[in-house]
C-alpha atoms as a PDB file:
ATOM      1  CA  MET A   1     -28.596-108.273-277.368  1.00  0.00           C
ATOM      2  CA  LYS A   2     -25.138-107.035-278.188  1.00  0.00           C
ATOM      3  CA  TRP A   3     -23.979-107.359-274.644  1.00  0.00           C
ATOM      4  CA  GLY A   4     -24.721-111.022-274.749  1.00  0.00           C
ATOM      5  CA  LEU A   5     -23.087-111.833-277.751  1.00  0.00           C
ATOM      6  CA  THR A   6     -20.106-109.835-276.536  1.00  0.00           C
ATOM      7  CA  ILE A   7     -20.165-111.932-273.266  1.00  0.00           C
ATOM      8  CA  VAL A   8     -20.891-115.426-275.232  1.00  0.00           C
ATOM      9  CA  CYS A   9     -17.814-114.412-276.886  1.00  0.00           C
ATOM     10  CA  LEU A  10     -15.639-113.411-274.455  1.00  0.00           C
ATOM     11  CA  SER A  11     -16.190-116.519-272.200  1.00  0.00           C
ATOM     12  CA  PHE A  12     -15.664-118.831-275.461  1.00  0.00           C
ATOM     13  CA  VAL A  13     -12.019-117.208-276.138  1.00  0.00           C
ATOM     14  CA  CYS A  14     -11.050-117.553-272.344  1.00  0.00           C
ATOM     15  CA  LEU A  15     -12.032-120.921-272.274  1.00  0.00           C
ATOM     16  CA  SER A  16     -10.483-121.877-275.382  1.00  0.00           C
ATOM     17  CA  GLU A  17      -7.379-120.893-274.049  1.00  0.00           C
ATOM     18  CA  CYS A  18      -7.480-123.326-271.172  1.00  0.00           C
ATOM     19  CA  ALA A  19      -5.864-126.346-271.427  1.00  0.00           C
ATOM     20  CA  PRO A  20      -6.551-129.799-268.701  1.00  0.00           C
ATOM     21  CA  PRO A  21      -3.557-130.425-266.398  1.00  0.00           C
ATOM     22  CA  THR A  22      -1.170-132.569-267.601  1.00  0.00           C
ATOM     23  CA  CYS A  23      -0.121-134.945-264.478  1.00  0.00           C
ATOM     24  CA  TYR A  24       3.063-132.677-264.021  1.00  0.00           C
ATOM     25  CA  SER A  25       0.850-129.694-263.604  1.00  0.00           C
ATOM     26  CA  ARG A  26      -1.593-131.369-261.450  1.00  0.00           C
ATOM     27  CA  ALA A  27       1.442-133.251-259.107  1.00  0.00           C
ATOM     28  CA  LEU A  28       3.017-129.589-259.008  1.00  0.00           C
ATOM     29  CA  SER A  29       0.052-127.965-258.121  1.00  0.00           C
ATOM     30  CA  LEU A  30      -1.095-130.185-255.247  1.00  0.00           C
ATOM     31  CA  SER A  31       2.075-130.219-254.119  1.00  0.00           C
ATOM     32  CA  LYS A  32       1.902-126.694-253.272  1.00  0.00           C
ATOM     33  CA  GLU A  33      -1.253-127.207-251.960  1.00  0.00           C
ATOM     34  CA  VAL A  34      -0.257-129.520-249.579  1.00  0.00           C
ATOM     35  CA  MET A  35       2.510-127.339-248.414  1.00  0.00           C
ATOM     36  CA  THR A  36       0.644-124.194-248.241  1.00  0.00           C
ATOM     37  CA  LEU A  37      -2.435-126.231-245.501  1.00  0.00           C
ATOM     38  CA  LEU A  38       1.110-127.511-244.029  1.00  0.00           C
ATOM     39  CA  ASP A  39       2.028-123.977-243.313  1.00  0.00           C
ATOM     40  CA  LYS A  40      -2.173-123.378-241.854  1.00  0.00           C
ATOM     41  CA  ILE A  41      -1.797-126.623-239.573  1.00  0.00           C
ATOM     42  CA  HIS A  42       1.655-125.295-238.297  1.00  0.00           C
ATOM     43  CA  THR A  43       0.476-121.899-237.525  1.00  0.00           C
ATOM     44  CA  TYR A  44      -3.382-121.861-236.962  1.00  0.00           C
ATOM     45  CA  HIS A  45      -4.378-122.568-232.901  1.00  0.00           C
ATOM     46  CA  ARG A  46      -6.621-125.395-232.842  1.00  0.00           C
ATOM     47  CA  THR A  47      -4.039-127.865-235.216  1.00  0.00           C
ATOM     48  CA  LYS A  48      -0.941-126.153-234.015  1.00  0.00           C
ATOM     49  CA  THR A  49      -0.467-128.941-231.273  1.00  0.00           C
ATOM     50  CA  CYS A  50      -1.324-131.722-234.134  1.00  0.00           C
ATOM     51  CA  ALA A  51       1.761-130.171-236.069  1.00  0.00           C
ATOM     52  CA  ARG A  52       4.106-131.178-233.390  1.00  0.00           C
ATOM     53  CA  ASP A  53       3.860-134.643-234.104  1.00  0.00           C
ATOM     54  CA  LEU A  54       3.898-134.470-238.046  1.00  0.00           C
ATOM     55  CA  PRO A  55       7.432-134.701-239.507  1.00  0.00           C
ATOM     56  CA  THR A  56       8.760-131.967-241.279  1.00  0.00           C
ATOM     57  CA  ILE A  57       8.744-132.498-245.188  1.00  0.00           C
ATOM     58  CA  PHE A  58       9.409-130.036-248.119  1.00  0.00           C
ATOM     59  CA  LEU A  59       7.916-131.368-251.500  1.00  0.00           C
ATOM     60  CA  ASP A  60       9.703-131.445-254.679  1.00  0.00           C
ATOM     61  CA  VAL A  61       8.051-133.492-257.526  1.00  0.00           C
ATOM     62  CA  HIS A  62      11.256-133.395-259.169  1.00  0.00           C
ATOM     63  CA  ASN A  63      13.148-135.313-256.214  1.00  0.00           C
ATOM     64  CA  SER A  64      12.728-139.014-256.833  1.00  0.00           C
ATOM     65  CA  CYS A  65      12.519-139.575-252.934  1.00  0.00           C
ATOM     66  CA  ILE A  66       8.887-137.636-252.837  1.00  0.00           C
ATOM     67  CA  THR A  67       7.233-141.221-253.200  1.00  0.00           C
ATOM     68  CA  THR A  68       9.386-142.679-250.196  1.00  0.00           C
ATOM     69  CA  LYS A  69       8.894-139.578-248.150  1.00  0.00           C
ATOM     70  CA  LEU A  70       5.000-139.026-249.123  1.00  0.00           C
ATOM     71  CA  ARG A  71       4.369-142.681-248.004  1.00  0.00           C
ATOM     72  CA  ASP A  72       6.084-142.351-244.937  1.00  0.00           C
ATOM     73  CA  PHE A  73       4.061-138.874-243.977  1.00  0.00           C
ATOM     74  CA  LEU A  74       0.502-140.077-244.975  1.00  0.00           C
ATOM     75  CA  TYR A  75       1.436-143.250-242.479  1.00  0.00           C
ATOM     76  CA  VAL A  76       2.069-140.663-239.333  1.00  0.00           C
ATOM     77  CA  VAL A  77      -0.958-138.761-240.785  1.00  0.00           C
ATOM     78  CA  LEU A  78      -3.557-141.773-241.200  1.00  0.00           C
ATOM     79  CA  ASN A  79      -2.096-142.946-237.692  1.00  0.00           C
ATOM     80  CA  HIS A  80      -1.865-139.470-235.437  1.00  0.00           C
ATOM     81  CA  PRO A  81      -1.179-140.404-232.080  1.00  0.00           C
ATOM     82  CA  SER A  82      -4.404-138.064-231.110  1.00  0.00           C
ATOM     83  CA  PRO A  83      -8.048-138.970-232.025  1.00  0.00           C
ATOM     84  CA  TYR A  84      -8.633-135.542-231.369  1.00  0.00           C
ATOM     85  CA  CYS A  85      -6.030-134.292-233.907  1.00  0.00           C
ATOM     86  CA  ARG A  86      -7.523-136.959-236.407  1.00  0.00           C
ATOM     87  CA  GLU A  87     -10.690-135.539-236.909  1.00  0.00           C
ATOM     88  CA  ARG A  88      -9.605-132.116-237.341  1.00  0.00           C
ATOM     89  CA  PRO A  89     -10.710-130.966-240.738  1.00  0.00           C
ATOM     90  CA  ARG A  90      -7.387-129.234-241.855  1.00  0.00           C
ATOM     91  CA  ILE A  91      -5.892-133.107-240.794  1.00  0.00           C
ATOM     92  CA  VAL A  92      -8.644-134.739-242.433  1.00  0.00           C
ATOM     93  CA  LEU A  93      -7.951-132.247-246.150  1.00  0.00           C
ATOM     94  CA  LEU A  94      -4.352-132.740-245.601  1.00  0.00           C
ATOM     95  CA  LYS A  95      -4.550-136.935-245.804  1.00  0.00           C
ATOM     96  CA  ARG A  96      -6.689-136.308-248.330  1.00  0.00           C
ATOM     97  CA  LYS A  97      -4.311-134.267-250.399  1.00  0.00           C
ATOM     98  CA  ILE A  98      -1.337-136.414-249.725  1.00  0.00           C
ATOM     99  CA  GLN A  99      -3.406-139.459-250.282  1.00  0.00           C
ATOM    100  CA  ASN A 100      -4.170-138.159-254.118  1.00  0.00           C
ATOM    101  CA  LEU A 101      -0.551-136.490-254.570  1.00  0.00           C
ATOM    102  CA  TYR A 102       0.747-140.220-253.926  1.00  0.00           C
ATOM    103  CA  SER A 103      -1.888-141.580-256.317  1.00  0.00           C
ATOM    104  CA  ILE A 104      -0.961-139.505-258.818  1.00  0.00           C
ATOM    105  CA  ILE A 105       2.770-139.836-258.667  1.00  0.00           C
ATOM    106  CA  THR A 106       3.071-143.427-257.883  1.00  0.00           C
ATOM    107  CA  ARG A 107      -0.284-144.820-259.998  1.00  0.00           C
ATOM    108  CA  ILE A 108      -1.503-142.015-262.668  1.00  0.00           C
ATOM    109  CA  CYS A 109       1.533-140.607-263.353  1.00  0.00           C
ATOM    110  CA  TYR A 110       3.893-143.292-263.179  1.00  0.00           C
ATOM    111  CA  ARG A 111       6.622-142.597-265.938  1.00  0.00           C
ATOM    112  CA  ASP A 112       5.742-139.496-267.000  1.00  0.00           C
ATOM    113  CA  LEU A 113       7.050-137.533-264.038  1.00  0.00           C
ATOM    114  CA  VAL A 114      11.177-136.808-264.634  1.00  0.00           C
ATOM    115  CA  PHE A 115      13.278-136.505-261.370  1.00  0.00           C
ATOM    116  CA  PHE A 116      16.068-134.521-261.457  1.00  0.00           C
ATOM    117  CA  THR A 117      17.292-135.328-257.920  1.00  0.00           C
ATOM    118  CA  ASP A 118      17.391-138.046-255.918  1.00  0.00           C
ATOM    119  CA  ASP A 119      18.469-135.985-252.495  1.00  0.00           C
ATOM    120  CA  CYS A 120      16.437-137.217-249.786  1.00  0.00           C
ATOM    121  CA  GLU A 121      17.591-134.860-247.300  1.00  0.00           C
ATOM    122  CA  ALA A 122      16.685-131.944-249.210  1.00  0.00           C
ATOM    123  CA  ILE A 123      12.811-133.360-248.718  1.00  0.00           C
ATOM    124  CA  ASP A 124      13.498-133.359-245.011  1.00  0.00           C
ATOM    125  CA  THR A 125      15.314-129.819-244.590  1.00  0.00           C
ATOM    126  CA  GLY A 126      14.097-128.119-248.005  1.00  0.00           C
ATOM    127  CA  HIS A 127      17.970-127.233-248.378  1.00  0.00           C
ATOM    128  CA  SER A 128      19.100-129.364-251.573  1.00  0.00           C
ATOM    129  CA  ARG A 129      22.761-130.019-251.936  1.00  0.00           C
ATOM    130  CA  PRO A 130      24.736-128.110-255.055  1.00  0.00           C
ATOM    131  CA  HIS A 131      24.413-130.523-258.049  1.00  0.00           C
ATOM    132  CA  PHE A 132      27.992-130.902-260.192  1.00  0.00           C
ATOM    133  CA  ALA A 133      27.595-133.402-262.673  1.00  0.00           C
ATOM    134  CA  GLU A 134      27.906-130.356-265.146  1.00  0.00           C
ATOM    135  CA  ASP A 135      31.220-129.127-263.434  1.00  0.00           C
ATOM    136  CA  ARG A 136      32.539-133.220-263.281  1.00  0.00           C
ATOM    137  CA  LEU A 137      31.920-133.146-267.041  1.00  0.00           C
ATOM    138  CA  GLN A 138      33.911-130.444-267.818  1.00  0.00           C
ATOM    139  CA  LEU A 139      36.777-131.581-265.714  1.00  0.00           C
ATOM    140  CA  LEU A 140      36.504-135.369-267.200  1.00  0.00           C
ATOM    141  CA  GLN A 141      37.277-133.356-270.866  1.00  0.00           C
ATOM    142  CA  GLU A 142      39.722-130.752-269.616  1.00  0.00           C
ATOM    143  CA  GLU A 143      41.777-134.139-268.058  1.00  0.00           C
ATOM    144  CA  ARG A 144      41.969-135.576-271.832  1.00  0.00           C
END
């Protein structure tokens, strides 16, 4: 009886510390899931050939270009040239995750997400250009 009460108390403490996911945390975790799944698709022998037709994408939920890039990527996944690839379980899962992420960003969390950059090239290459806004502000203040 004592062990049962202890387990109930511990599980209550663990559950009470959990918070429901916010739009931001869900978008962030789903983007990481998509990137992990894409990595698996690129390395798995049954889907490696399918990955050749997919464009390169590096998801960043802080980049305002993510909506258009996700929409374009989803179009490619939905209209993959190979029927074999369209039916692969990992590709189907990728399609669902991208649809969910796109829906979260454009509908559910609309206006809740804050974009820090609009570097569309960073989503294509994975390399973002440096942001010099603070340095420019400092230069403008020094010129006065």
